[in-house]
Amino acid sequence: LSRLKRLFGHEVGEQPRLYSKGHATLKLPNKKEADISYLVYTTVHGDEFLIKLKDPAQLPTLDELAMAPEALQAIQRALHQPSGVVLVTGTARSGMTTTLYTFLQAMNASHRHILSIESPVECHLDGVFQGQIAQHPTAAYAQFMNYARAQRPDILLIDALSEPDMAKQVISLASGMLVLSSLIEVDTASAVIKLECL
């Protein structure tokens, strides 16, 4: 655990926090790099680590997402819009982040300004300006969204909608840019109801 803490930039003897999360890049012996996102949670029995490994080269393409042809065409049309919201819904650990990264990868081009707000960054994407929020997420998301409003990117990724204020800001931002995000819900109909409640 001490080696993991040092790898993630934590002092071994530092005062324990309830939790911390972040992103690191691990260089492998074969000269490849793996992206690591982590969560350290302090329990009465010591620190618990949750570690996710992602290889950007292993991200699926749009065609590999196993969507019905009509759904794939609808997504491709939505991803070519200059503004609006594309919302990915699903249960926890259902692949929403991977799907969002696949969308970004499909839209990534040198002439497009792409910005992300993530907590934490799970996979480094070339050509995407990825912002990472590690602490005080609610306040930090608001700050990053104000930054995005000033920067006016072509595409903005917000990894998850969880607060009513975030949903309102996303709708406001979507009038001038394409916003991608996710919402934890079992199906699309439930997501619409949840958005109305937010």
C-alpha atoms as a PDB file:
ATOM      1  CA  LEU A   1       0.000   0.000   0.000  1.00  0.00           C
ATOM      2  CA  SER A   2       2.866   2.377   0.718  1.00  0.00           C
ATOM      3  CA  ARG A   3       4.192   1.966  -2.852  1.00  0.00           C
ATOM      4  CA  LEU A   4       0.726   2.639  -4.268  1.00  0.00           C
ATOM      5  CA  LYS A   5       0.395   5.765  -2.145  1.00  0.00           C
ATOM      6  CA  ARG A   6       3.751   7.070  -3.378  1.00  0.00           C
ATOM      7  CA  LEU A   7       2.818   6.238  -7.005  1.00  0.00           C
ATOM      8  CA  PHE A   8      -0.346   8.338  -6.641  1.00  0.00           C
ATOM      9  CA  GLY A   9       1.491  11.247  -4.986  1.00  0.00           C
ATOM     10  CA  HIS A  10       0.321  10.698  -1.407  1.00  0.00           C
ATOM     11  CA  GLU A  11       2.649  10.988   1.569  1.00  0.00           C
ATOM     12  CA  VAL A  12       2.789   7.663   3.406  1.00  0.00           C
ATOM     13  CA  GLY A  13       2.444   9.225   6.862  1.00  0.00           C
ATOM     14  CA  GLU A  14      -0.026  11.982   5.955  1.00  0.00           C
ATOM     15  CA  GLN A  15      -3.255  12.548   7.860  1.00  0.00           C
ATOM     16  CA  PRO A  16      -5.905  10.214   6.404  1.00  0.00           C
ATOM     17  CA  ARG A  17      -8.745  11.763   4.414  1.00  0.00           C
ATOM     18  CA  LEU A  18     -12.151  10.156   3.973  1.00  0.00           C
ATOM     19  CA  TYR A  19     -11.336   9.564   0.307  1.00  0.00           C
ATOM     20  CA  SER A  20      -9.217  10.864  -2.531  1.00  0.00           C
ATOM     21  CA  LYS A  21      -9.212  10.080  -6.217  1.00  0.00           C
ATOM     22  CA  GLY A  22      -7.124  10.875  -9.231  1.00  0.00           C
ATOM     23  CA  HIS A  23      -5.262   9.713 -12.320  1.00  0.00           C
ATOM     24  CA  ALA A  24      -1.756   8.488 -13.041  1.00  0.00           C
ATOM     25  CA  THR A  25       0.094   7.038 -16.006  1.00  0.00           C
ATOM     26  CA  LEU A  26       2.021   3.812 -15.520  1.00  0.00           C
ATOM     27  CA  LYS A  27       4.949   2.979 -17.813  1.00  0.00           C
ATOM     28  CA  LEU A  28       5.000  -0.742 -18.562  1.00  0.00           C
ATOM     29  CA  PRO A  29       8.134  -2.808 -19.307  1.00  0.00           C
ATOM     30  CA  ASN A  30       7.175  -3.105 -23.002  1.00  0.00           C
ATOM     31  CA  LYS A  31       7.425   0.738 -23.241  1.00  0.00           C
ATOM     32  CA  LYS A  32       3.642   1.061 -23.451  1.00  0.00           C
ATOM     33  CA  GLU A  33       1.680   3.241 -21.059  1.00  0.00           C
ATOM     34  CA  ALA A  34      -1.474   2.388 -19.139  1.00  0.00           C
ATOM     35  CA  ASP A  35      -3.845   4.953 -17.672  1.00  0.00           C
ATOM     36  CA  ILE A  36      -4.802   4.377 -14.056  1.00  0.00           C
ATOM     37  CA  SER A  37      -7.685   6.020 -12.259  1.00  0.00           C
ATOM     38  CA  TYR A  38      -7.876   5.369  -8.554  1.00  0.00           C
ATOM     39  CA  LEU A  39      -9.984   5.914  -5.468  1.00  0.00           C
ATOM     40  CA  VAL A  40      -8.499   5.641  -1.990  1.00  0.00           C
ATOM     41  CA  TYR A  41     -11.149   5.222   0.708  1.00  0.00           C
ATOM     42  CA  THR A  42     -10.244   5.339   4.414  1.00  0.00           C
ATOM     43  CA  THR A  43     -11.947   2.646   6.493  1.00  0.00           C
ATOM     44  CA  VAL A  44     -11.638   1.552  10.130  1.00  0.00           C
ATOM     45  CA  HIS A  45      -9.423  -1.291   8.880  1.00  0.00           C
ATOM     46  CA  GLY A  46      -7.109   0.946   6.833  1.00  0.00           C
ATOM     47  CA  ASP A  47      -7.106   2.336   3.304  1.00  0.00           C
ATOM     48  CA  GLU A  48      -9.024   0.573   0.566  1.00  0.00           C
ATOM     49  CA  PHE A  49      -7.833   1.090  -3.030  1.00  0.00           C
ATOM     50  CA  LEU A  50     -10.000   0.861  -6.149  1.00  0.00           C
ATOM     51  CA  ILE A  51      -7.833   0.921  -9.264  1.00  0.00           C
ATOM     52  CA  LYS A  52      -9.013   0.943 -12.904  1.00  0.00           C
ATOM     53  CA  LEU A  53      -6.606   0.355 -15.777  1.00  0.00           C
ATOM     54  CA  LYS A  54      -7.390   1.632 -19.264  1.00  0.00           C
ATOM     55  CA  ASP A  55      -5.366   1.426 -22.451  1.00  0.00           C
ATOM     56  CA  PRO A  56      -6.335   4.197 -24.921  1.00  0.00           C
ATOM     57  CA  ALA A  57      -5.371   1.903 -27.802  1.00  0.00           C
ATOM     58  CA  GLN A  58      -8.011  -0.593 -26.620  1.00  0.00           C
ATOM     59  CA  LEU A  59     -10.970   1.813 -26.722  1.00  0.00           C
ATOM     60  CA  PRO A  60     -13.692   0.461 -29.014  1.00  0.00           C
ATOM     61  CA  THR A  61     -14.720   2.258 -32.185  1.00  0.00           C
ATOM     62  CA  LEU A  62     -18.320   3.405 -32.697  1.00  0.00           C
ATOM     63  CA  ASP A  63     -18.981   0.293 -34.790  1.00  0.00           C
ATOM     64  CA  GLU A  64     -17.681  -1.925 -31.968  1.00  0.00           C
ATOM     65  CA  LEU A  65     -20.180  -0.561 -29.410  1.00  0.00           C
ATOM     66  CA  ALA A  66     -22.720  -3.176 -30.598  1.00  0.00           C
ATOM     67  CA  MET A  67     -25.545  -0.704 -31.197  1.00  0.00           C
ATOM     68  CA  ALA A  68     -28.478  -1.389 -33.472  1.00  0.00           C
ATOM     69  CA  PRO A  69     -27.870   0.178 -36.927  1.00  0.00           C
ATOM     70  CA  GLU A  70     -30.624   2.792 -36.436  1.00  0.00           C
ATOM     71  CA  ALA A  71     -29.239   3.767 -33.022  1.00  0.00           C
ATOM     72  CA  LEU A  72     -25.711   4.045 -34.434  1.00  0.00           C
ATOM     73  CA  GLN A  73     -26.925   6.324 -37.247  1.00  0.00           C
ATOM     74  CA  ALA A  74     -28.808   8.499 -34.724  1.00  0.00           C
ATOM     75  CA  ILE A  75     -25.668   8.779 -32.554  1.00  0.00           C
ATOM     76  CA  GLN A  76     -23.499   9.657 -35.561  1.00  0.00           C
ATOM     77  CA  ARG A  77     -25.965  12.412 -36.533  1.00  0.00           C
ATOM     78  CA  ALA A  78     -26.024  13.725 -32.944  1.00  0.00           C
ATOM     79  CA  LEU A  79     -22.217  13.763 -32.726  1.00  0.00           C
ATOM     80  CA  HIS A  80     -22.038  15.951 -35.847  1.00  0.00           C
ATOM     81  CA  GLN A  81     -24.313  18.649 -34.416  1.00  0.00           C
ATOM     82  CA  PRO A  82     -22.634  21.972 -33.510  1.00  0.00           C
ATOM     83  CA  SER A  83     -24.595  22.234 -30.252  1.00  0.00           C
ATOM     84  CA  GLY A  84     -26.889  20.269 -27.971  1.00  0.00           C
ATOM     85  CA  VAL A  85     -26.543  17.486 -25.407  1.00  0.00           C
ATOM     86  CA  VAL A  86     -25.677  13.822 -25.933  1.00  0.00           C
ATOM     87  CA  LEU A  87     -26.476  11.951 -22.722  1.00  0.00           C
ATOM     88  CA  VAL A  88     -25.314   8.375 -22.100  1.00  0.00           C
ATOM     89  CA  THR A  89     -27.382   6.541 -19.486  1.00  0.00           C
ATOM     90  CA  GLY A  90     -26.864   3.252 -17.714  1.00  0.00           C
ATOM     91  CA  THR A  91     -26.199   1.634 -14.385  1.00  0.00           C
ATOM     92  CA  ALA A  92     -22.910   1.991 -12.492  1.00  0.00           C
ATOM     93  CA  ARG A  93     -20.060   0.117 -14.218  1.00  0.00           C
ATOM     94  CA  SER A  94     -22.094  -0.408 -17.393  1.00  0.00           C
ATOM     95  CA  GLY A  95     -19.500   1.234 -19.671  1.00  0.00           C
ATOM     96  CA  MET A  96     -20.802   4.809 -19.787  1.00  0.00           C
ATOM     97  CA  THR A  97     -17.307   6.332 -19.479  1.00  0.00           C
ATOM     98  CA  THR A  98     -15.915   4.008 -22.159  1.00  0.00           C
ATOM     99  CA  THR A  99     -18.830   4.973 -24.426  1.00  0.00           C
ATOM    100  CA  LEU A 100     -18.181   8.696 -23.843  1.00  0.00           C
ATOM    101  CA  TYR A 101     -14.462   8.236 -24.590  1.00  0.00           C
ATOM    102  CA  THR A 102     -15.371   6.357 -27.786  1.00  0.00           C
ATOM    103  CA  PHE A 103     -17.602   9.268 -28.829  1.00  0.00           C
ATOM    104  CA  LEU A 104     -14.777  11.750 -28.144  1.00  0.00           C
ATOM    105  CA  GLN A 105     -12.295   9.633 -30.057  1.00  0.00           C
ATOM    106  CA  ALA A 106     -14.677   9.487 -33.049  1.00  0.00           C
ATOM    107  CA  MET A 107     -15.039  13.306 -33.058  1.00  0.00           C
ATOM    108  CA  ASN A 108     -11.425  14.142 -32.282  1.00  0.00           C
ATOM    109  CA  ALA A 109      -9.854  16.185 -35.078  1.00  0.00           C
ATOM    110  CA  SER A 110      -7.112  18.815 -35.095  1.00  0.00           C
ATOM    111  CA  HIS A 111      -9.532  21.635 -35.959  1.00  0.00           C
ATOM    112  CA  ARG A 112     -11.838  20.911 -33.003  1.00  0.00           C
ATOM    113  CA  HIS A 113     -11.344  22.305 -29.518  1.00  0.00           C
ATOM    114  CA  ILE A 114     -12.375  19.549 -27.080  1.00  0.00           C
ATOM    115  CA  LEU A 115     -12.456  20.098 -23.327  1.00  0.00           C
ATOM    116  CA  SER A 116     -13.361  17.635 -20.573  1.00  0.00           C
ATOM    117  CA  ILE A 117     -14.280  17.894 -16.883  1.00  0.00           C
ATOM    118  CA  GLU A 118     -13.675  14.551 -15.178  1.00  0.00           C
ATOM    119  CA  SER A 119     -13.459  13.170 -11.659  1.00  0.00           C
ATOM    120  CA  PRO A 120     -11.040  11.531 -12.187  1.00  0.00           C
ATOM    121  CA  VAL A 121      -9.603  11.263 -15.717  1.00  0.00           C
ATOM    122  CA  GLU A 122      -9.764   7.546 -16.530  1.00  0.00           C
ATOM    123  CA  CYS A 123      -7.950   7.501 -19.861  1.00  0.00           C
ATOM    124  CA  HIS A 124      -5.636  10.031 -21.513  1.00  0.00           C
ATOM    125  CA  LEU A 125      -6.865  11.078 -24.967  1.00  0.00           C
ATOM    126  CA  ASP A 126      -4.533  12.906 -27.354  1.00  0.00           C
ATOM    127  CA  GLY A 127      -5.974  16.181 -28.599  1.00  0.00           C
ATOM    128  CA  VAL A 128      -8.430  16.534 -25.684  1.00  0.00           C
ATOM    129  CA  PHE A 129      -7.814  19.105 -22.944  1.00  0.00           C
ATOM    130  CA  GLN A 130      -8.781  16.984 -19.947  1.00  0.00           C
ATOM    131  CA  GLY A 131      -9.511  18.711 -16.648  1.00  0.00           C
ATOM    132  CA  GLN A 132      -9.421  16.598 -13.510  1.00  0.00           C
ATOM    133  CA  ILE A 133     -11.389  17.259 -10.349  1.00  0.00           C
ATOM    134  CA  ALA A 134     -10.019  15.457  -7.323  1.00  0.00           C
ATOM    135  CA  GLN A 135     -11.461  17.266  -4.299  1.00  0.00           C
ATOM    136  CA  HIS A 136     -14.651  19.223  -3.472  1.00  0.00           C
ATOM    137  CA  PRO A 137     -16.382  18.111  -6.670  1.00  0.00           C
ATOM    138  CA  THR A 138     -19.516  20.284  -6.524  1.00  0.00           C
ATOM    139  CA  ALA A 139     -17.639  23.594  -6.253  1.00  0.00           C
ATOM    140  CA  ALA A 140     -14.926  22.451  -8.668  1.00  0.00           C
ATOM    141  CA  TYR A 141     -17.429  21.408 -11.356  1.00  0.00           C
ATOM    142  CA  ALA A 142     -19.041  24.869 -11.194  1.00  0.00           C
ATOM    143  CA  GLN A 143     -15.598  26.497 -11.558  1.00  0.00           C
ATOM    144  CA  PHE A 144     -14.654  24.295 -14.518  1.00  0.00           C
ATOM    145  CA  MET A 145     -17.996  24.971 -16.214  1.00  0.00           C
ATOM    146  CA  ASN A 146     -17.429  28.713 -15.875  1.00  0.00           C
ATOM    147  CA  TYR A 147     -14.007  28.160 -17.478  1.00  0.00           C
ATOM    148  CA  ALA A 148     -15.669  26.174 -20.293  1.00  0.00           C
ATOM    149  CA  ARG A 149     -18.166  28.994 -20.833  1.00  0.00           C
ATOM    150  CA  ALA A 150     -15.250  31.431 -21.254  1.00  0.00           C
ATOM    151  CA  GLN A 151     -13.232  29.067 -23.493  1.00  0.00           C
ATOM    152  CA  ARG A 152     -16.172  28.157 -25.777  1.00  0.00           C
ATOM    153  CA  PRO A 153     -14.870  24.738 -26.895  1.00  0.00           C
ATOM    154  CA  ASP A 154     -16.525  22.949 -29.802  1.00  0.00           C
ATOM    155  CA  ILE A 155     -17.139  19.900 -27.613  1.00  0.00           C
ATOM    156  CA  LEU A 156     -17.362  19.634 -23.831  1.00  0.00           C
ATOM    157  CA  LEU A 157     -17.377  16.344 -21.909  1.00  0.00           C
ATOM    158  CA  ILE A 158     -18.726  16.377 -18.351  1.00  0.00           C
ATOM    159  CA  ASP A 159     -18.248  12.865 -17.014  1.00  0.00           C
ATOM    160  CA  ALA A 160     -21.456  12.679 -14.946  1.00  0.00           C
ATOM    161  CA  LEU A 161     -24.532  14.746 -14.141  1.00  0.00           C
ATOM    162  CA  SER A 162     -25.340  14.402 -10.469  1.00  0.00           C
ATOM    163  CA  GLU A 163     -26.511  17.784  -9.174  1.00  0.00           C
ATOM    164  CA  PRO A 164     -29.464  19.961 -10.234  1.00  0.00           C
ATOM    165  CA  ASP A 165     -27.177  22.990 -10.762  1.00  0.00           C
ATOM    166  CA  MET A 166     -24.931  20.932 -13.059  1.00  0.00           C
ATOM    167  CA  ALA A 167     -27.903  19.896 -15.204  1.00  0.00           C
ATOM    168  CA  LYS A 168     -29.027  23.531 -15.504  1.00  0.00           C
ATOM    169  CA  GLN A 169     -25.522  24.675 -16.479  1.00  0.00           C
ATOM    170  CA  VAL A 170     -25.232  21.878 -19.051  1.00  0.00           C
ATOM    171  CA  ILE A 171     -28.490  22.939 -20.702  1.00  0.00           C
ATOM    172  CA  SER A 172     -27.241  26.539 -20.735  1.00  0.00           C
ATOM    173  CA  LEU A 173     -23.830  25.569 -22.189  1.00  0.00           C
ATOM    174  CA  ALA A 174     -25.428  23.328 -24.840  1.00  0.00           C
ATOM    175  CA  SER A 175     -26.834  26.320 -26.711  1.00  0.00           C
ATOM    176  CA  GLY A 176     -23.315  27.178 -27.910  1.00  0.00           C
ATOM    177  CA  MET A 177     -21.441  23.849 -27.962  1.00  0.00           C
ATOM    178  CA  LEU A 178     -21.960  20.102 -28.073  1.00  0.00           C
ATOM    179  CA  VAL A 179     -21.995  18.693 -24.531  1.00  0.00           C
ATOM    180  CA  LEU A 180     -21.491  14.997 -23.763  1.00  0.00           C
ATOM    181  CA  SER A 181     -22.296  13.588 -20.354  1.00  0.00           C
ATOM    182  CA  SER A 182     -23.658  10.581 -18.487  1.00  0.00           C
ATOM    183  CA  LEU A 183     -26.450   9.945 -16.023  1.00  0.00           C
ATOM    184  CA  ILE A 184     -26.797   6.870 -13.832  1.00  0.00           C
ATOM    185  CA  GLU A 185     -30.228   5.413 -14.567  1.00  0.00           C
ATOM    186  CA  VAL A 186     -31.558   2.028 -15.685  1.00  0.00           C
ATOM    187  CA  ASP A 187     -33.073   3.191 -18.984  1.00  0.00           C
ATOM    188  CA  THR A 188     -33.721   6.251 -21.140  1.00  0.00           C
ATOM    189  CA  ALA A 189     -37.288   6.795 -19.917  1.00  0.00           C
ATOM    190  CA  SER A 190     -36.095   6.827 -16.280  1.00  0.00           C
ATOM    191  CA  ALA A 191     -33.309   9.249 -17.248  1.00  0.00           C
ATOM    192  CA  VAL A 192     -35.856  11.700 -18.711  1.00  0.00           C
ATOM    193  CA  ILE A 193     -37.894  11.549 -15.480  1.00  0.00           C
ATOM    194  CA  LYS A 194     -34.735  12.045 -13.401  1.00  0.00           C
ATOM    195  CA  LEU A 195     -33.728  15.069 -15.493  1.00  0.00           C
ATOM    196  CA  GLU A 196     -37.149  16.611 -14.948  1.00  0.00           C
ATOM    197  CA  CYS A 197     -36.708  16.095 -11.186  1.00  0.00           C
ATOM    198  CA  LEU A 198     -33.243  17.699 -11.266  1.00  0.00           C
END
